[in-house]
Amino acid sequence: MKKIITSIILLAILIGNAQCPAPSNFTLSIPNANSAQLSWTENGTSNTWEIAIIPDFIIGTPLPSDALYTTTSNPFIVTGLSPTTGCDVFFVRSVCSTTVVSPWVAVGTLGCSTNVYNYLNTLSNDSFINNDANKLTLFPNPSKNIIQLKSNSKIDKISVYDSLGKVILIQPQNNNEINVENISKGVYLIEVFTENKKYYRKFIKE
C-alpha cells in the first residue's frame, strides 16, 4: 500500500446514524519523515475509532468497507510511511457500539485535485466542512508574491509546508499577510494559528 506523509485539510462527512455523529476537525500532521499523526474532535461519546487509508484515490473509488486500524487513541500515529505525490486519503469514523458506527470523515493529501475535493463533497447531504472555511480565507490564490489572510480571530502564527510536509516558512508575529515571492512554483499548505484554533488552507504559488 502506498503510504502518505503530505497533508491537506479535506473533510467529507457522509450520512450515518444520528445516534453516532461523525468526528470533525480531522487533521493530519507530520511529526517526522516516516510517520503521520491523525487527530480529530469526537462529537459523541465514543472512545473507539476506526481508521482506513485509500492510496491513489480517484473519483468513483468506493469508500472503505473495512478499517485498517481500530484505536482508542486520539491523536493516533501511523508509522512506516514514505513520501508520495499522489492523491491518498485517510478516513476515520467513531465506533458507538458493536453494530453502530458513524459516517467516515476523510483527510486527503496535497496530491488530490480540486475535482476529488468536490467529489467527496457530493457524497454528503450535510454541509461540507473545510476546517471552518468561513472563518479563514486567503487571497489571491494562486499568488505570485503576497497572500492576504482574513480571519475572525487574531492570527498568532503562520507556517507554510511544501508537498513533502516540510516547513519552509514560518511567520510568528501577528500579521494578516505572508510573502511567498521567494518560494518555488507549486502547491503548498498554510497552517494558521489563531487565538484558540488551528486552520489549514491550500494555495498555489505561480
N, C-alpha and C. Protein backbone atom coordinates (compact mmCIF):
# COMPACT_ATOMS: atom_id res chain seq x y z
N MET A 1 0.85 -1.19 0.00
CA MET A 1 0.00 0.00 0.00
C MET A 1 0.88 1.24 0.00
N LYS A 2 0.56 2.16 -0.88
CA LYS A 2 1.29 3.40 -0.95
C LYS A 2 1.00 4.22 0.30
N LYS A 3 2.04 4.76 0.91
CA LYS A 3 1.85 5.46 2.18
C LYS A 3 1.81 6.97 1.97
N ILE A 4 1.57 7.70 3.07
CA ILE A 4 1.24 9.11 2.98
C ILE A 4 2.05 9.90 3.99
N ILE A 5 2.67 11.04 3.57
CA ILE A 5 3.25 11.94 4.56
C ILE A 5 2.82 13.38 4.33
N THR A 6 2.24 13.71 3.17
CA THR A 6 1.81 15.08 2.95
C THR A 6 0.40 15.27 3.47
N SER A 7 0.03 16.53 3.67
CA SER A 7 -1.27 16.75 4.28
C SER A 7 -1.99 17.93 3.67
N ILE A 8 -3.22 17.83 3.67
CA ILE A 8 -4.09 18.95 3.34
C ILE A 8 -5.41 18.69 4.03
N ILE A 9 -6.01 19.82 4.42
CA ILE A 9 -7.24 19.61 5.12
C ILE A 9 -8.36 19.44 4.14
N LEU A 10 -9.07 18.12 4.21
CA LEU A 10 -10.19 17.82 3.32
C LEU A 10 -11.17 16.98 4.09
N LEU A 11 -12.32 17.50 4.41
CA LEU A 11 -13.30 16.78 5.21
C LEU A 11 -14.54 16.50 4.40
N ALA A 12 -14.98 15.24 4.41
CA ALA A 12 -16.25 14.89 3.76
C ALA A 12 -17.06 14.09 4.75
N ILE A 13 -18.15 14.63 5.24
CA ILE A 13 -18.97 13.96 6.24
C ILE A 13 -20.12 13.27 5.52
N LEU A 14 -20.22 11.98 5.69
CA LEU A 14 -21.19 11.16 4.99
C LEU A 14 -22.34 10.78 5.91
N ILE A 15 -23.52 10.58 5.33
CA ILE A 15 -24.72 10.33 6.13
C ILE A 15 -24.57 9.05 6.95
N GLY A 16 -24.96 9.10 8.20
CA GLY A 16 -24.87 7.93 9.04
C GLY A 16 -25.95 7.97 10.10
N ASN A 17 -25.79 7.13 11.09
CA ASN A 17 -26.77 7.06 12.16
C ASN A 17 -26.69 8.30 13.03
N ALA A 18 -27.83 8.96 13.24
CA ALA A 18 -27.84 10.19 14.03
C ALA A 18 -27.41 9.95 15.47
N GLN A 19 -27.52 8.70 15.91
CA GLN A 19 -27.10 8.36 17.26
C GLN A 19 -25.59 8.27 17.38
N CYS A 20 -24.89 8.29 16.25
CA CYS A 20 -23.44 8.15 16.25
C CYS A 20 -22.84 9.20 15.31
N PRO A 21 -22.67 10.44 15.80
CA PRO A 21 -22.20 11.51 14.93
C PRO A 21 -20.75 11.31 14.48
N ALA A 22 -20.45 11.82 13.29
CA ALA A 22 -19.09 11.72 12.75
C ALA A 22 -18.14 12.65 13.49
N PRO A 23 -16.86 12.30 13.55
CA PRO A 23 -15.87 13.23 14.10
C PRO A 23 -15.77 14.48 13.23
N SER A 24 -15.14 15.51 13.75
CA SER A 24 -14.88 16.73 12.98
C SER A 24 -13.46 17.20 13.26
N ASN A 25 -13.06 18.29 12.58
CA ASN A 25 -11.72 18.85 12.74
C ASN A 25 -10.63 17.78 12.55
N PHE A 26 -10.82 16.95 11.55
CA PHE A 26 -9.87 15.86 11.26
C PHE A 26 -8.65 16.45 10.57
N THR A 27 -7.48 16.28 11.17
CA THR A 27 -6.26 16.85 10.63
C THR A 27 -5.15 15.82 10.57
N LEU A 28 -4.18 16.10 9.71
CA LEU A 28 -3.02 15.23 9.51
C LEU A 28 -1.78 16.07 9.62
N SER A 29 -0.89 15.73 10.56
CA SER A 29 0.37 16.44 10.71
C SER A 29 1.52 15.47 10.55
N ILE A 30 2.71 16.01 10.39
CA ILE A 30 3.88 15.19 10.06
C ILE A 30 4.94 15.32 11.15
N PRO A 31 4.93 14.44 12.17
CA PRO A 31 5.96 14.53 13.22
C PRO A 31 7.37 14.28 12.70
N ASN A 32 7.52 13.35 11.75
CA ASN A 32 8.83 13.07 11.16
C ASN A 32 8.62 12.45 9.79
N ALA A 33 9.72 12.08 9.12
CA ALA A 33 9.65 11.64 7.73
C ALA A 33 8.92 10.32 7.53
N ASN A 34 8.77 9.53 8.59
CA ASN A 34 8.21 8.19 8.44
C ASN A 34 6.91 7.96 9.19
N SER A 35 6.31 9.02 9.69
CA SER A 35 5.07 8.84 10.44
C SER A 35 4.13 10.02 10.20
N ALA A 36 2.87 9.80 10.48
CA ALA A 36 1.86 10.85 10.36
C ALA A 36 0.95 10.78 11.57
N GLN A 37 0.60 11.93 12.09
CA GLN A 37 -0.29 11.98 13.26
C GLN A 37 -1.67 12.46 12.85
N LEU A 38 -2.65 11.64 13.15
CA LEU A 38 -4.05 11.98 12.89
C LEU A 38 -4.68 12.45 14.18
N SER A 39 -5.49 13.51 14.09
CA SER A 39 -6.24 13.95 15.27
C SER A 39 -7.61 14.44 14.82
N TRP A 40 -8.57 14.40 15.72
CA TRP A 40 -9.94 14.77 15.38
C TRP A 40 -10.69 15.13 16.65
N THR A 41 -11.88 15.69 16.47
CA THR A 41 -12.76 16.01 17.59
C THR A 41 -13.91 15.01 17.61
N GLU A 42 -14.10 14.36 18.72
CA GLU A 42 -15.21 13.43 18.89
C GLU A 42 -16.47 14.22 19.25
N ASN A 43 -17.53 14.03 18.48
CA ASN A 43 -18.76 14.79 18.68
C ASN A 43 -19.85 14.01 19.42
N GLY A 44 -19.53 12.79 19.81
CA GLY A 44 -20.46 11.99 20.59
C GLY A 44 -19.79 11.53 21.87
N THR A 45 -20.04 10.28 22.24
CA THR A 45 -19.46 9.73 23.47
C THR A 45 -18.52 8.57 23.19
N SER A 46 -18.19 8.35 21.91
CA SER A 46 -17.34 7.22 21.56
C SER A 46 -15.92 7.41 22.07
N ASN A 47 -15.29 6.31 22.47
CA ASN A 47 -13.87 6.33 22.82
C ASN A 47 -13.08 5.32 22.00
N THR A 48 -13.71 4.88 20.91
CA THR A 48 -13.05 3.95 19.97
C THR A 48 -13.31 4.43 18.56
N TRP A 49 -12.26 4.36 17.71
CA TRP A 49 -12.39 4.84 16.34
C TRP A 49 -11.73 3.87 15.37
N GLU A 50 -12.25 3.86 14.15
CA GLU A 50 -11.67 3.05 13.08
C GLU A 50 -11.01 3.96 12.05
N ILE A 51 -9.88 3.52 11.53
CA ILE A 51 -9.11 4.29 10.56
C ILE A 51 -8.84 3.44 9.33
N ALA A 52 -8.99 4.05 8.17
CA ALA A 52 -8.69 3.36 6.90
C ALA A 52 -7.87 4.30 6.02
N ILE A 53 -7.17 3.74 5.05
CA ILE A 53 -6.38 4.52 4.10
C ILE A 53 -6.66 4.02 2.70
N ILE A 54 -6.94 4.93 1.77
CA ILE A 54 -7.09 4.56 0.37
C ILE A 54 -6.01 5.29 -0.43
N PRO A 55 -5.04 4.56 -0.97
CA PRO A 55 -4.00 5.20 -1.78
C PRO A 55 -4.48 5.46 -3.20
N ASP A 56 -3.87 6.44 -3.86
CA ASP A 56 -4.19 6.75 -5.26
C ASP A 56 -5.70 6.92 -5.47
N PHE A 57 -6.31 7.71 -4.62
CA PHE A 57 -7.76 7.91 -4.66
C PHE A 57 -8.16 8.63 -5.94
N ILE A 58 -9.19 8.13 -6.61
CA ILE A 58 -9.74 8.78 -7.81
C ILE A 58 -11.25 8.86 -7.66
N ILE A 59 -11.86 9.72 -8.46
CA ILE A 59 -13.31 9.86 -8.42
C ILE A 59 -13.98 8.53 -8.75
N GLY A 60 -14.90 8.13 -7.91
CA GLY A 60 -15.58 6.85 -8.10
C GLY A 60 -15.04 5.73 -7.24
N THR A 61 -13.89 5.97 -6.57
CA THR A 61 -13.35 4.95 -5.69
C THR A 61 -14.33 4.68 -4.55
N PRO A 62 -14.69 3.42 -4.29
CA PRO A 62 -15.62 3.12 -3.19
C PRO A 62 -15.04 3.55 -1.85
N LEU A 63 -15.89 3.94 -0.94
CA LEU A 63 -15.45 4.25 0.41
C LEU A 63 -15.00 2.96 1.10
N PRO A 64 -14.18 3.09 2.14
CA PRO A 64 -13.69 1.88 2.82
C PRO A 64 -14.83 1.01 3.34
N SER A 65 -14.67 -0.28 3.19
CA SER A 65 -15.66 -1.21 3.75
C SER A 65 -15.17 -1.77 5.08
N ASP A 66 -13.86 -1.77 5.26
CA ASP A 66 -13.26 -2.28 6.49
C ASP A 66 -12.22 -1.29 7.00
N ALA A 67 -11.95 -1.35 8.28
CA ALA A 67 -10.94 -0.48 8.89
C ALA A 67 -9.57 -1.14 8.81
N LEU A 68 -8.55 -0.30 8.64
CA LEU A 68 -7.17 -0.78 8.68
C LEU A 68 -6.67 -0.83 10.12
N TYR A 69 -7.13 0.14 10.93
CA TYR A 69 -6.77 0.20 12.34
C TYR A 69 -8.03 0.44 13.18
N THR A 70 -8.04 -0.09 14.39
CA THR A 70 -9.02 0.26 15.41
C THR A 70 -8.24 0.77 16.60
N THR A 71 -8.60 1.95 17.10
CA THR A 71 -7.78 2.57 18.14
C THR A 71 -8.65 3.23 19.20
N THR A 72 -8.09 3.36 20.38
CA THR A 72 -8.71 4.14 21.45
C THR A 72 -7.89 5.40 21.71
N SER A 73 -6.91 5.66 20.82
CA SER A 73 -6.02 6.82 20.98
C SER A 73 -6.40 7.94 20.02
N ASN A 74 -6.45 9.13 20.54
CA ASN A 74 -6.67 10.35 19.75
C ASN A 74 -5.84 11.46 20.39
N PRO A 75 -4.74 11.87 19.72
CA PRO A 75 -4.27 11.57 18.37
C PRO A 75 -3.81 10.12 18.19
N PHE A 76 -3.73 9.73 16.91
CA PHE A 76 -3.26 8.40 16.53
C PHE A 76 -2.12 8.56 15.54
N ILE A 77 -1.01 7.84 15.78
CA ILE A 77 0.16 7.95 14.92
C ILE A 77 0.29 6.72 14.04
N VAL A 78 0.36 6.96 12.73
CA VAL A 78 0.61 5.90 11.75
C VAL A 78 2.10 5.91 11.43
N THR A 79 2.75 4.77 11.51
CA THR A 79 4.19 4.70 11.26
C THR A 79 4.48 3.94 9.97
N GLY A 80 5.75 3.94 9.58
CA GLY A 80 6.18 3.21 8.39
C GLY A 80 5.78 3.87 7.09
N LEU A 81 5.66 5.19 7.08
CA LEU A 81 5.23 5.90 5.88
C LEU A 81 6.41 6.28 5.00
N SER A 82 6.13 6.53 3.74
CA SER A 82 7.14 7.01 2.80
C SER A 82 6.51 8.09 1.94
N PRO A 83 7.34 8.98 1.34
CA PRO A 83 6.77 10.12 0.58
C PRO A 83 5.90 9.68 -0.59
N THR A 84 4.92 10.51 -0.91
CA THR A 84 4.07 10.29 -2.07
C THR A 84 3.64 11.62 -2.63
N THR A 85 3.45 11.68 -3.93
CA THR A 85 2.92 12.89 -4.56
C THR A 85 1.53 12.64 -5.13
N GLY A 86 0.98 11.45 -4.90
CA GLY A 86 -0.34 11.11 -5.40
C GLY A 86 -1.43 11.58 -4.48
N CYS A 87 -2.66 11.23 -4.83
CA CYS A 87 -3.82 11.59 -4.02
C CYS A 87 -4.18 10.41 -3.14
N ASP A 88 -3.81 10.49 -1.88
CA ASP A 88 -4.11 9.44 -0.91
C ASP A 88 -5.00 10.02 0.17
N VAL A 89 -5.89 9.21 0.69
CA VAL A 89 -6.91 9.71 1.62
C VAL A 89 -6.96 8.85 2.88
N PHE A 90 -6.91 9.51 4.04
CA PHE A 90 -7.15 8.88 5.33
C PHE A 90 -8.63 9.00 5.67
N PHE A 91 -9.17 7.99 6.35
CA PHE A 91 -10.56 8.02 6.82
C PHE A 91 -10.59 7.68 8.31
N VAL A 92 -11.50 8.31 9.04
CA VAL A 92 -11.73 7.94 10.43
C VAL A 92 -13.23 7.97 10.69
N ARG A 93 -13.71 7.08 11.57
CA ARG A 93 -15.10 7.10 11.99
C ARG A 93 -15.19 6.64 13.43
N SER A 94 -16.23 7.08 14.11
CA SER A 94 -16.45 6.70 15.51
C SER A 94 -17.16 5.36 15.58
N VAL A 95 -16.79 4.56 16.57
CA VAL A 95 -17.45 3.28 16.84
C VAL A 95 -18.30 3.48 18.09
N CYS A 96 -19.62 3.48 17.91
CA CYS A 96 -20.51 3.77 19.03
C CYS A 96 -21.01 2.51 19.72
N SER A 97 -21.01 1.37 19.01
CA SER A 97 -21.38 0.09 19.60
C SER A 97 -20.86 -1.00 18.68
N THR A 98 -21.15 -2.23 18.99
CA THR A 98 -20.68 -3.34 18.15
C THR A 98 -21.37 -3.36 16.80
N THR A 99 -22.48 -2.64 16.67
CA THR A 99 -23.23 -2.65 15.41
C THR A 99 -23.41 -1.27 14.79
N VAL A 100 -23.03 -0.21 15.51
CA VAL A 100 -23.27 1.15 15.03
C VAL A 100 -21.96 1.93 14.92
N VAL A 101 -21.71 2.48 13.73
CA VAL A 101 -20.56 3.34 13.51
C VAL A 101 -21.03 4.65 12.88
N SER A 102 -20.21 5.66 12.97
CA SER A 102 -20.55 6.95 12.39
C SER A 102 -20.20 6.96 10.90
N PRO A 103 -20.59 8.03 10.19
CA PRO A 103 -20.08 8.19 8.83
C PRO A 103 -18.56 8.36 8.85
N TRP A 104 -17.92 8.04 7.72
CA TRP A 104 -16.49 8.28 7.57
C TRP A 104 -16.24 9.78 7.42
N VAL A 105 -15.12 10.24 7.95
CA VAL A 105 -14.60 11.59 7.69
C VAL A 105 -13.23 11.41 7.04
N ALA A 106 -12.95 12.19 5.98
CA ALA A 106 -11.74 11.97 5.19
C ALA A 106 -10.79 13.15 5.22
N VAL A 107 -9.50 12.83 5.21
CA VAL A 107 -8.44 13.83 5.07
C VAL A 107 -7.57 13.42 3.89
N GLY A 108 -7.49 14.27 2.86
CA GLY A 108 -6.70 13.96 1.67
C GLY A 108 -5.35 14.64 1.70
N THR A 109 -4.46 14.18 0.84
CA THR A 109 -3.12 14.75 0.74
C THR A 109 -3.06 15.85 -0.30
N LEU A 110 -1.92 16.53 -0.35
CA LEU A 110 -1.74 17.63 -1.29
C LEU A 110 -1.83 17.20 -2.74
N GLY A 111 -1.66 15.91 -3.01
CA GLY A 111 -1.72 15.44 -4.38
C GLY A 111 -3.13 15.32 -4.93
N CYS A 112 -4.14 15.53 -4.10
CA CYS A 112 -5.53 15.43 -4.56
C CYS A 112 -5.94 16.67 -5.33
N SER A 113 -6.68 16.47 -6.40
CA SER A 113 -7.13 17.58 -7.24
C SER A 113 -8.40 18.20 -6.69
N THR A 114 -8.73 19.38 -7.21
CA THR A 114 -9.98 20.04 -6.83
C THR A 114 -11.18 19.18 -7.17
N ASN A 115 -11.10 18.45 -8.28
CA ASN A 115 -12.20 17.57 -8.67
C ASN A 115 -12.47 16.50 -7.62
N VAL A 116 -11.40 15.98 -7.02
CA VAL A 116 -11.57 14.98 -5.97
C VAL A 116 -12.22 15.61 -4.74
N TYR A 117 -11.77 16.84 -4.37
CA TYR A 117 -12.38 17.50 -3.22
C TYR A 117 -13.88 17.69 -3.46
N ASN A 118 -14.23 18.13 -4.66
CA ASN A 118 -15.63 18.35 -4.98
C ASN A 118 -16.41 17.04 -4.98
N TYR A 119 -15.78 15.98 -5.46
CA TYR A 119 -16.43 14.67 -5.49
C TYR A 119 -16.74 14.20 -4.07
N LEU A 120 -15.79 14.33 -3.17
CA LEU A 120 -16.02 13.93 -1.79
C LEU A 120 -17.13 14.77 -1.17
N ASN A 121 -17.20 16.03 -1.58
CA ASN A 121 -18.25 16.91 -1.08
C ASN A 121 -19.63 16.39 -1.48
N THR A 122 -19.78 15.89 -2.69
CA THR A 122 -21.09 15.45 -3.17
C THR A 122 -21.55 14.17 -2.50
N LEU A 123 -20.65 13.48 -1.79
CA LEU A 123 -21.04 12.25 -1.11
C LEU A 123 -21.88 12.53 0.13
N SER A 124 -21.94 13.79 0.54
CA SER A 124 -22.64 14.14 1.78
C SER A 124 -23.88 14.97 1.51
N ASN A 125 -24.93 14.72 2.27
CA ASN A 125 -26.11 15.57 2.25
C ASN A 125 -26.05 16.63 3.33
N ASP A 126 -24.98 16.57 4.15
CA ASP A 126 -24.76 17.59 5.15
C ASP A 126 -23.89 18.68 4.55
N SER A 127 -23.68 19.75 5.30
CA SER A 127 -22.82 20.82 4.83
C SER A 127 -21.39 20.34 4.76
N PHE A 128 -20.71 20.72 3.70
CA PHE A 128 -19.30 20.37 3.54
C PHE A 128 -18.47 21.23 4.47
N ILE A 129 -17.61 20.59 5.24
CA ILE A 129 -16.79 21.32 6.19
C ILE A 129 -15.35 21.28 5.71
N ASN A 130 -14.76 22.43 5.51
CA ASN A 130 -13.36 22.53 5.12
C ASN A 130 -12.60 23.27 6.20
N ASN A 131 -12.53 22.63 7.37
CA ASN A 131 -11.81 23.22 8.51
C ASN A 131 -12.34 24.62 8.81
N ASP A 132 -13.68 24.77 8.89
CA ASP A 132 -14.32 26.06 9.15
C ASP A 132 -13.91 27.09 8.11
N ALA A 133 -14.20 26.77 6.84
CA ALA A 133 -13.73 27.60 5.73
C ALA A 133 -14.23 29.03 5.82
N ASN A 134 -15.40 29.25 6.43
CA ASN A 134 -15.94 30.61 6.51
C ASN A 134 -15.22 31.46 7.55
N LYS A 135 -14.36 30.85 8.38
CA LYS A 135 -13.68 31.60 9.43
C LYS A 135 -12.27 32.02 9.06
N LEU A 136 -11.76 31.51 7.94
CA LEU A 136 -10.45 31.92 7.46
C LEU A 136 -10.43 31.84 5.95
N THR A 137 -10.11 32.95 5.30
CA THR A 137 -9.99 32.97 3.85
C THR A 137 -8.64 33.55 3.48
N LEU A 138 -8.14 33.17 2.31
CA LEU A 138 -6.89 33.74 1.82
C LEU A 138 -7.04 34.10 0.36
N PHE A 139 -6.36 35.16 -0.06
CA PHE A 139 -6.48 35.66 -1.42
C PHE A 139 -5.27 36.57 -1.71
N PRO A 140 -4.87 36.71 -2.97
CA PRO A 140 -5.34 35.92 -4.12
C PRO A 140 -4.78 34.51 -4.06
N ASN A 141 -5.42 33.61 -4.72
CA ASN A 141 -4.98 32.22 -4.78
C ASN A 141 -5.39 31.64 -6.14
N PRO A 142 -4.42 31.45 -7.06
CA PRO A 142 -2.97 31.47 -6.92
C PRO A 142 -2.41 32.87 -6.67
N SER A 143 -1.13 32.90 -6.22
CA SER A 143 -0.45 34.16 -5.96
C SER A 143 1.01 34.07 -6.38
N LYS A 144 1.56 35.23 -6.77
CA LYS A 144 2.98 35.30 -7.12
C LYS A 144 3.83 35.85 -5.99
N ASN A 145 3.23 36.62 -5.09
CA ASN A 145 4.03 37.23 -4.04
C ASN A 145 3.33 37.32 -2.68
N ILE A 146 2.34 38.20 -2.54
CA ILE A 146 1.70 38.41 -1.24
C ILE A 146 0.35 37.71 -1.17
N ILE A 147 0.13 36.98 -0.09
CA ILE A 147 -1.17 36.36 0.18
C ILE A 147 -1.77 37.06 1.39
N GLN A 148 -2.99 37.53 1.24
CA GLN A 148 -3.72 38.17 2.33
C GLN A 148 -4.59 37.12 3.04
N LEU A 149 -4.65 37.20 4.36
CA LEU A 149 -5.47 36.29 5.14
C LEU A 149 -6.52 37.09 5.90
N LYS A 150 -7.75 36.63 5.86
CA LYS A 150 -8.84 37.26 6.59
C LYS A 150 -9.39 36.26 7.58
N SER A 151 -9.32 36.61 8.86
CA SER A 151 -9.74 35.70 9.92
C SER A 151 -10.66 36.41 10.89
N ASN A 152 -11.55 35.63 11.51
CA ASN A 152 -12.43 36.16 12.55
C ASN A 152 -11.69 36.36 13.86
N SER A 153 -10.47 35.77 13.95
CA SER A 153 -9.68 35.85 15.17
C SER A 153 -8.30 36.40 14.87
N LYS A 154 -7.62 36.86 15.89
CA LYS A 154 -6.24 37.34 15.76
C LYS A 154 -5.33 36.19 15.31
N ILE A 155 -4.51 36.43 14.30
CA ILE A 155 -3.57 35.41 13.81
C ILE A 155 -2.27 35.53 14.59
N ASP A 156 -1.87 34.42 15.23
CA ASP A 156 -0.67 34.42 16.05
C ASP A 156 0.56 33.87 15.32
N LYS A 157 0.34 32.96 14.38
CA LYS A 157 1.48 32.32 13.72
C LYS A 157 1.03 31.72 12.40
N ILE A 158 1.90 31.78 11.39
CA ILE A 158 1.62 31.19 10.09
C ILE A 158 2.81 30.32 9.69
N SER A 159 2.54 29.07 9.29
CA SER A 159 3.58 28.18 8.79
C SER A 159 3.20 27.71 7.39
N VAL A 160 4.19 27.57 6.53
CA VAL A 160 3.98 27.09 5.16
C VAL A 160 4.71 25.77 4.98
N TYR A 161 3.99 24.75 4.46
CA TYR A 161 4.54 23.42 4.23
C TYR A 161 4.61 23.15 2.73
N ASP A 162 5.68 22.45 2.31
CA ASP A 162 5.74 22.02 0.91
C ASP A 162 5.03 20.69 0.75
N SER A 163 5.08 20.11 -0.46
CA SER A 163 4.33 18.89 -0.76
C SER A 163 4.85 17.66 -0.04
N LEU A 164 6.02 17.76 0.58
CA LEU A 164 6.57 16.64 1.35
C LEU A 164 6.35 16.82 2.84
N GLY A 165 5.59 17.84 3.22
CA GLY A 165 5.30 18.08 4.62
C GLY A 165 6.40 18.81 5.37
N LYS A 166 7.36 19.41 4.65
CA LYS A 166 8.46 20.14 5.27
C LYS A 166 8.08 21.60 5.46
N VAL A 167 8.37 22.13 6.66
CA VAL A 167 8.12 23.55 6.91
C VAL A 167 9.16 24.37 6.18
N ILE A 168 8.71 25.26 5.29
CA ILE A 168 9.65 26.08 4.52
C ILE A 168 9.58 27.55 4.89
N LEU A 169 8.57 27.94 5.65
CA LEU A 169 8.41 29.34 6.01
C LEU A 169 7.58 29.44 7.27
N ILE A 170 8.05 30.24 8.24
CA ILE A 170 7.31 30.48 9.48
C ILE A 170 7.23 31.97 9.73
N GLN A 171 6.06 32.44 10.06
CA GLN A 171 5.85 33.84 10.39
C GLN A 171 5.22 33.90 11.76
N PRO A 172 6.01 34.15 12.82
CA PRO A 172 5.48 34.07 14.19
C PRO A 172 4.68 35.28 14.62
N GLN A 173 4.94 36.44 14.05
CA GLN A 173 4.28 37.64 14.52
C GLN A 173 2.85 37.76 14.00
N ASN A 174 2.06 38.57 14.69
CA ASN A 174 0.69 38.81 14.27
C ASN A 174 0.69 39.58 12.95
N ASN A 175 0.23 38.95 11.88
CA ASN A 175 0.24 39.56 10.56
C ASN A 175 -0.80 38.88 9.70
N ASN A 176 -1.56 39.65 8.96
CA ASN A 176 -2.61 39.09 8.13
C ASN A 176 -2.20 38.95 6.67
N GLU A 177 -0.90 38.92 6.43
CA GLU A 177 -0.41 38.63 5.09
C GLU A 177 0.91 37.91 5.19
N ILE A 178 1.27 37.20 4.11
CA ILE A 178 2.52 36.47 4.08
C ILE A 178 3.13 36.58 2.70
N ASN A 179 4.45 36.79 2.66
CA ASN A 179 5.17 36.97 1.40
C ASN A 179 5.71 35.62 0.93
N VAL A 180 5.21 35.16 -0.24
CA VAL A 180 5.65 33.88 -0.79
C VAL A 180 6.45 34.07 -2.07
N GLU A 181 6.94 35.29 -2.27
CA GLU A 181 7.64 35.63 -3.51
C GLU A 181 8.88 34.77 -3.73
N ASN A 182 9.57 34.38 -2.67
CA ASN A 182 10.85 33.70 -2.80
C ASN A 182 10.76 32.18 -2.76
N ILE A 183 9.55 31.61 -2.74
CA ILE A 183 9.44 30.16 -2.79
C ILE A 183 9.14 29.71 -4.23
N SER A 184 9.43 28.47 -4.53
CA SER A 184 9.28 27.95 -5.89
C SER A 184 7.81 27.78 -6.25
N LYS A 185 7.53 27.75 -7.55
CA LYS A 185 6.17 27.50 -8.01
C LYS A 185 5.71 26.12 -7.56
N GLY A 186 4.43 26.00 -7.21
CA GLY A 186 3.91 24.71 -6.80
C GLY A 186 2.72 24.85 -5.87
N VAL A 187 2.33 23.72 -5.28
CA VAL A 187 1.20 23.68 -4.36
C VAL A 187 1.72 23.58 -2.92
N TYR A 188 1.18 24.39 -2.03
CA TYR A 188 1.64 24.44 -0.65
C TYR A 188 0.45 24.42 0.31
N LEU A 189 0.78 24.19 1.58
CA LEU A 189 -0.23 24.18 2.63
C LEU A 189 0.14 25.25 3.66
N ILE A 190 -0.82 26.11 3.98
CA ILE A 190 -0.62 27.11 5.03
C ILE A 190 -1.31 26.63 6.29
N GLU A 191 -0.58 26.66 7.39
CA GLU A 191 -1.12 26.34 8.72
C GLU A 191 -1.21 27.65 9.50
N VAL A 192 -2.39 28.01 9.94
CA VAL A 192 -2.61 29.29 10.61
C VAL A 192 -3.08 29.05 12.04
N PHE A 193 -2.33 29.61 12.99
CA PHE A 193 -2.71 29.54 14.40
C PHE A 193 -3.39 30.84 14.80
N THR A 194 -4.60 30.73 15.33
CA THR A 194 -5.29 31.90 15.85
C THR A 194 -5.35 31.81 17.37
N GLU A 195 -6.13 32.66 17.98
CA GLU A 195 -6.18 32.71 19.44
C GLU A 195 -6.61 31.39 20.08
N ASN A 196 -7.47 30.64 19.38
CA ASN A 196 -7.99 29.42 20.01
C ASN A 196 -8.16 28.26 19.04
N LYS A 197 -7.59 28.35 17.84
CA LYS A 197 -7.79 27.27 16.88
C LYS A 197 -6.67 27.25 15.86
N LYS A 198 -6.62 26.14 15.11
CA LYS A 198 -5.63 25.98 14.05
C LYS A 198 -6.36 25.66 12.74
N TYR A 199 -5.99 26.35 11.66
CA TYR A 199 -6.64 26.17 10.37
C TYR A 199 -5.60 25.80 9.31
N TYR A 200 -6.09 25.12 8.25
CA TYR A 200 -5.23 24.77 7.13
C TYR A 200 -5.87 25.23 5.83
N ARG A 201 -5.05 25.75 4.92
CA ARG A 201 -5.52 26.13 3.61
C ARG A 201 -4.46 25.77 2.56
N LYS A 202 -4.94 25.31 1.44
CA LYS A 202 -4.07 25.01 0.30
C LYS A 202 -3.94 26.25 -0.56
N PHE A 203 -2.72 26.53 -1.09
CA PHE A 203 -2.57 27.63 -2.03
C PHE A 203 -1.57 27.25 -3.11
N ILE A 204 -1.65 27.96 -4.22
CA ILE A 204 -0.79 27.70 -5.37
C ILE A 204 0.13 28.91 -5.57
N LYS A 205 1.43 28.67 -5.63
CA LYS A 205 2.40 29.73 -5.94
C LYS A 205 2.64 29.71 -7.45
N GLU A 206 2.37 30.84 -8.10
CA GLU A 206 2.58 30.95 -9.53
C GLU A 206 4.03 31.26 -9.85
